[in-house]
Amino acid sequence: MPIKTTTSERSLSWQEQALCAQTGPEFFFPEPGSSVRDAKRLCAACEGRAACLEYALNNDERFGVWGGLSEQERSALRRPDRQSAV
């Protein structure tokens, strides 16, 4: 009998193959003022990057590196003035 997967389980399947799943959380959630360069570099090589970023934006993730973007970069994408210009 096949196992039914819900939409949310399918939409999160990228997490199983994500490169961040093989790295400690402190890498993507560094201390304030620490560099996120290495985390962003790892994200750039990850096949799940777009899905990760979409998840972070849809769920208003405000901390850490998600989809290769920092908190400030994701915040800039959410600004109403930025969205109306597109």
N, C-alpha and C. Protein backbone atom coordinates (compact mmCIF):
# COMPACT_ATOMS: atom_id res chain seq x y z
N MET A 1 0.84 -1.17 0.00
CA MET A 1 0.00 0.00 0.00
C MET A 1 0.90 1.24 0.00
N PRO A 2 0.73 2.14 -0.98
CA PRO A 2 1.58 3.33 -1.05
C PRO A 2 1.28 4.30 0.09
N ILE A 3 2.33 4.96 0.51
CA ILE A 3 2.18 5.95 1.56
C ILE A 3 1.81 7.28 0.90
N LYS A 4 0.74 7.88 1.38
CA LYS A 4 0.33 9.17 0.85
C LYS A 4 1.12 10.27 1.55
N THR A 5 1.62 11.19 0.74
CA THR A 5 2.35 12.32 1.31
C THR A 5 1.49 13.56 1.14
N THR A 6 1.48 14.35 2.17
CA THR A 6 0.71 15.58 2.10
C THR A 6 1.48 16.61 1.28
N THR A 7 0.78 17.65 0.89
CA THR A 7 1.41 18.71 0.12
C THR A 7 2.57 19.31 0.89
N SER A 8 2.39 19.51 2.19
CA SER A 8 3.47 20.12 2.97
C SER A 8 4.69 19.22 3.04
N GLU A 9 4.49 17.91 3.09
CA GLU A 9 5.63 17.00 3.10
C GLU A 9 6.37 17.04 1.78
N ARG A 10 5.64 17.10 0.67
CA ARG A 10 6.27 17.20 -0.64
C ARG A 10 7.00 18.52 -0.80
N SER A 11 6.41 19.59 -0.31
CA SER A 11 7.03 20.90 -0.48
C SER A 11 8.27 21.06 0.38
N LEU A 12 8.45 20.21 1.38
CA LEU A 12 9.63 20.27 2.23
C LEU A 12 10.65 19.19 1.88
N SER A 13 10.41 18.43 0.82
CA SER A 13 11.32 17.35 0.46
C SER A 13 12.72 17.86 0.12
N TRP A 14 12.86 19.11 -0.27
CA TRP A 14 14.16 19.69 -0.58
C TRP A 14 15.08 19.64 0.64
N GLN A 15 14.51 19.65 1.83
CA GLN A 15 15.31 19.67 3.05
C GLN A 15 16.14 18.39 3.21
N GLU A 16 15.64 17.28 2.72
CA GLU A 16 16.35 16.01 2.86
C GLU A 16 17.66 16.00 2.07
N GLN A 17 17.68 16.67 0.93
CA GLN A 17 18.87 16.68 0.08
C GLN A 17 19.70 17.95 0.25
N ALA A 18 19.23 18.90 1.04
CA ALA A 18 19.93 20.18 1.20
C ALA A 18 21.30 19.99 1.83
N LEU A 19 22.24 20.76 1.34
CA LEU A 19 23.61 20.69 1.87
C LEU A 19 23.66 21.14 3.32
N CYS A 20 22.76 22.02 3.73
CA CYS A 20 22.76 22.49 5.11
C CYS A 20 22.40 21.38 6.09
N ALA A 21 21.73 20.34 5.61
CA ALA A 21 21.37 19.22 6.47
C ALA A 21 22.61 18.44 6.91
N GLN A 22 23.72 18.66 6.19
CA GLN A 22 24.98 17.97 6.50
C GLN A 22 25.93 18.86 7.29
N THR A 23 25.46 20.03 7.69
CA THR A 23 26.29 21.02 8.38
C THR A 23 25.57 21.44 9.66
N GLY A 24 26.31 21.84 10.65
CA GLY A 24 25.72 22.28 11.90
C GLY A 24 24.94 23.58 11.76
N PRO A 25 23.92 23.79 12.57
CA PRO A 25 23.09 24.99 12.47
C PRO A 25 23.86 26.28 12.73
N GLU A 26 24.92 26.21 13.53
CA GLU A 26 25.69 27.42 13.84
C GLU A 26 26.33 28.01 12.58
N PHE A 27 26.48 27.20 11.56
CA PHE A 27 27.04 27.65 10.29
C PHE A 27 26.08 28.63 9.60
N PHE A 28 24.78 28.36 9.70
CA PHE A 28 23.75 29.17 9.05
C PHE A 28 23.09 30.16 10.00
N PHE A 29 23.34 30.02 11.28
CA PHE A 29 22.81 30.92 12.29
C PHE A 29 23.98 31.40 13.16
N PRO A 30 24.89 32.19 12.57
CA PRO A 30 26.09 32.60 13.29
C PRO A 30 25.78 33.67 14.35
N GLU A 31 26.74 33.86 15.21
CA GLU A 31 26.64 34.92 16.21
C GLU A 31 26.51 36.27 15.50
N PRO A 32 25.80 37.22 16.09
CA PRO A 32 25.69 38.56 15.47
C PRO A 32 27.07 39.14 15.16
N GLY A 33 27.19 39.69 13.98
CA GLY A 33 28.44 40.28 13.54
C GLY A 33 29.39 39.32 12.86
N SER A 34 29.09 38.03 12.92
CA SER A 34 29.94 37.02 12.27
C SER A 34 29.64 36.97 10.78
N SER A 35 30.59 36.49 10.02
CA SER A 35 30.45 36.39 8.57
C SER A 35 29.50 35.25 8.19
N VAL A 36 28.72 35.48 7.15
CA VAL A 36 27.86 34.44 6.60
C VAL A 36 28.35 34.02 5.22
N ARG A 37 29.55 34.47 4.86
CA ARG A 37 30.12 34.20 3.54
C ARG A 37 30.19 32.71 3.24
N ASP A 38 30.68 31.91 4.18
CA ASP A 38 30.83 30.47 3.93
C ASP A 38 29.47 29.79 3.79
N ALA A 39 28.51 30.21 4.59
CA ALA A 39 27.17 29.64 4.49
C ALA A 39 26.57 29.97 3.12
N LYS A 40 26.73 31.19 2.67
CA LYS A 40 26.20 31.60 1.37
C LYS A 40 26.89 30.85 0.24
N ARG A 41 28.16 30.57 0.40
CA ARG A 41 28.90 29.81 -0.61
C ARG A 41 28.35 28.39 -0.71
N LEU A 42 28.06 27.78 0.42
CA LEU A 42 27.49 26.44 0.43
C LEU A 42 26.09 26.46 -0.20
N CYS A 43 25.31 27.47 0.13
CA CYS A 43 23.98 27.60 -0.47
C CYS A 43 24.05 27.70 -1.99
N ALA A 44 25.04 28.42 -2.49
CA ALA A 44 25.17 28.60 -3.93
C ALA A 44 25.36 27.28 -4.66
N ALA A 45 25.91 26.29 -3.97
CA ALA A 45 26.15 24.98 -4.58
C ALA A 45 24.99 24.00 -4.35
N CYS A 46 23.97 24.43 -3.64
CA CYS A 46 22.87 23.53 -3.25
C CYS A 46 21.74 23.56 -4.26
N GLU A 47 21.28 22.37 -4.64
CA GLU A 47 20.16 22.26 -5.59
C GLU A 47 18.84 22.72 -5.00
N GLY A 48 18.74 22.75 -3.68
CA GLY A 48 17.50 23.15 -3.02
C GLY A 48 17.42 24.62 -2.70
N ARG A 49 18.36 25.40 -3.21
CA ARG A 49 18.44 26.81 -2.84
C ARG A 49 17.16 27.58 -3.12
N ALA A 50 16.58 27.44 -4.29
CA ALA A 50 15.37 28.19 -4.64
C ALA A 50 14.20 27.80 -3.74
N ALA A 51 14.04 26.51 -3.49
CA ALA A 51 12.95 26.06 -2.62
C ALA A 51 13.17 26.54 -1.19
N CYS A 52 14.41 26.56 -0.76
CA CYS A 52 14.76 27.04 0.58
C CYS A 52 14.41 28.51 0.72
N LEU A 53 14.79 29.31 -0.25
CA LEU A 53 14.48 30.74 -0.21
C LEU A 53 12.98 30.96 -0.23
N GLU A 54 12.28 30.23 -1.08
CA GLU A 54 10.82 30.35 -1.15
C GLU A 54 10.19 30.02 0.21
N TYR A 55 10.69 28.95 0.84
CA TYR A 55 10.19 28.57 2.17
C TYR A 55 10.43 29.70 3.17
N ALA A 56 11.62 30.24 3.19
CA ALA A 56 11.97 31.30 4.15
C ALA A 56 11.09 32.53 3.95
N LEU A 57 10.86 32.91 2.72
CA LEU A 57 10.02 34.08 2.45
C LEU A 57 8.56 33.82 2.80
N ASN A 58 8.07 32.64 2.46
CA ASN A 58 6.67 32.30 2.76
C ASN A 58 6.41 32.15 4.25
N ASN A 59 7.43 31.78 5.01
CA ASN A 59 7.26 31.54 6.44
C ASN A 59 7.89 32.63 7.30
N ASP A 60 8.27 33.72 6.68
CA ASP A 60 8.80 34.89 7.37
C ASP A 60 9.95 34.54 8.30
N GLU A 61 10.88 33.72 7.79
CA GLU A 61 12.08 33.38 8.56
C GLU A 61 12.93 34.63 8.69
N ARG A 62 13.19 35.06 9.90
CA ARG A 62 13.90 36.32 10.12
C ARG A 62 15.33 36.15 10.58
N PHE A 63 15.77 34.94 10.80
CA PHE A 63 17.12 34.71 11.30
C PHE A 63 17.85 33.71 10.43
N GLY A 64 19.15 33.89 10.33
CA GLY A 64 19.98 32.92 9.62
C GLY A 64 20.03 33.13 8.12
N VAL A 65 20.79 32.27 7.48
CA VAL A 65 20.93 32.26 6.03
C VAL A 65 19.98 31.21 5.48
N TRP A 66 19.13 31.64 4.57
CA TRP A 66 18.16 30.75 3.92
C TRP A 66 18.23 31.02 2.43
N GLY A 67 18.37 29.99 1.64
CA GLY A 67 18.40 30.15 0.19
C GLY A 67 19.51 31.05 -0.29
N GLY A 68 20.58 31.14 0.47
CA GLY A 68 21.72 31.94 0.08
C GLY A 68 21.62 33.41 0.43
N LEU A 69 20.55 33.80 1.14
CA LEU A 69 20.39 35.20 1.50
C LEU A 69 20.38 35.38 3.01
N SER A 70 20.96 36.48 3.45
CA SER A 70 20.99 36.83 4.87
C SER A 70 19.66 37.43 5.30
N GLU A 71 19.52 37.70 6.59
CA GLU A 71 18.31 38.34 7.11
C GLU A 71 18.03 39.66 6.39
N GLN A 72 19.06 40.47 6.24
CA GLN A 72 18.90 41.78 5.61
C GLN A 72 18.50 41.66 4.14
N GLU A 73 19.08 40.72 3.45
CA GLU A 73 18.76 40.53 2.03
C GLU A 73 17.32 40.05 1.84
N ARG A 74 16.87 39.15 2.71
CA ARG A 74 15.48 38.70 2.62
C ARG A 74 14.53 39.82 3.00
N SER A 75 14.91 40.62 3.98
CA SER A 75 14.08 41.75 4.39
C SER A 75 13.90 42.73 3.23
N ALA A 76 14.96 42.97 2.48
CA ALA A 76 14.88 43.87 1.33
C ALA A 76 13.91 43.34 0.28
N LEU A 77 13.84 42.02 0.13
CA LEU A 77 12.90 41.42 -0.84
C LEU A 77 11.46 41.59 -0.39
N ARG A 78 11.24 41.66 0.92
CA ARG A 78 9.88 41.78 1.47
C ARG A 78 9.35 43.20 1.47
N ARG A 79 10.20 44.21 1.35
CA ARG A 79 9.75 45.60 1.45
C ARG A 79 8.68 45.90 0.43
N PRO A 80 7.59 46.53 0.88
CA PRO A 80 6.48 46.85 -0.04
C PRO A 80 6.91 47.74 -1.21
N ASP A 81 7.78 48.72 -0.99
CA ASP A 81 8.21 49.59 -2.07
C ASP A 81 8.99 48.83 -3.13
N ARG A 82 9.70 47.80 -2.73
CA ARG A 82 10.46 46.97 -3.68
C ARG A 82 9.50 46.12 -4.51
N GLN A 83 8.46 45.58 -3.86
CA GLN A 83 7.53 44.69 -4.58
C GLN A 83 6.68 45.48 -5.58
N SER A 84 6.30 46.70 -5.26
CA SER A 84 5.45 47.48 -6.17
C SER A 84 6.23 47.95 -7.40
N ALA A 85 7.56 48.02 -7.29
CA ALA A 85 8.38 48.46 -8.41
C ALA A 85 8.59 47.36 -9.44
N VAL A 86 8.32 46.12 -9.05
CA VAL A 86 8.56 44.98 -9.94
C VAL A 86 7.38 44.72 -10.84
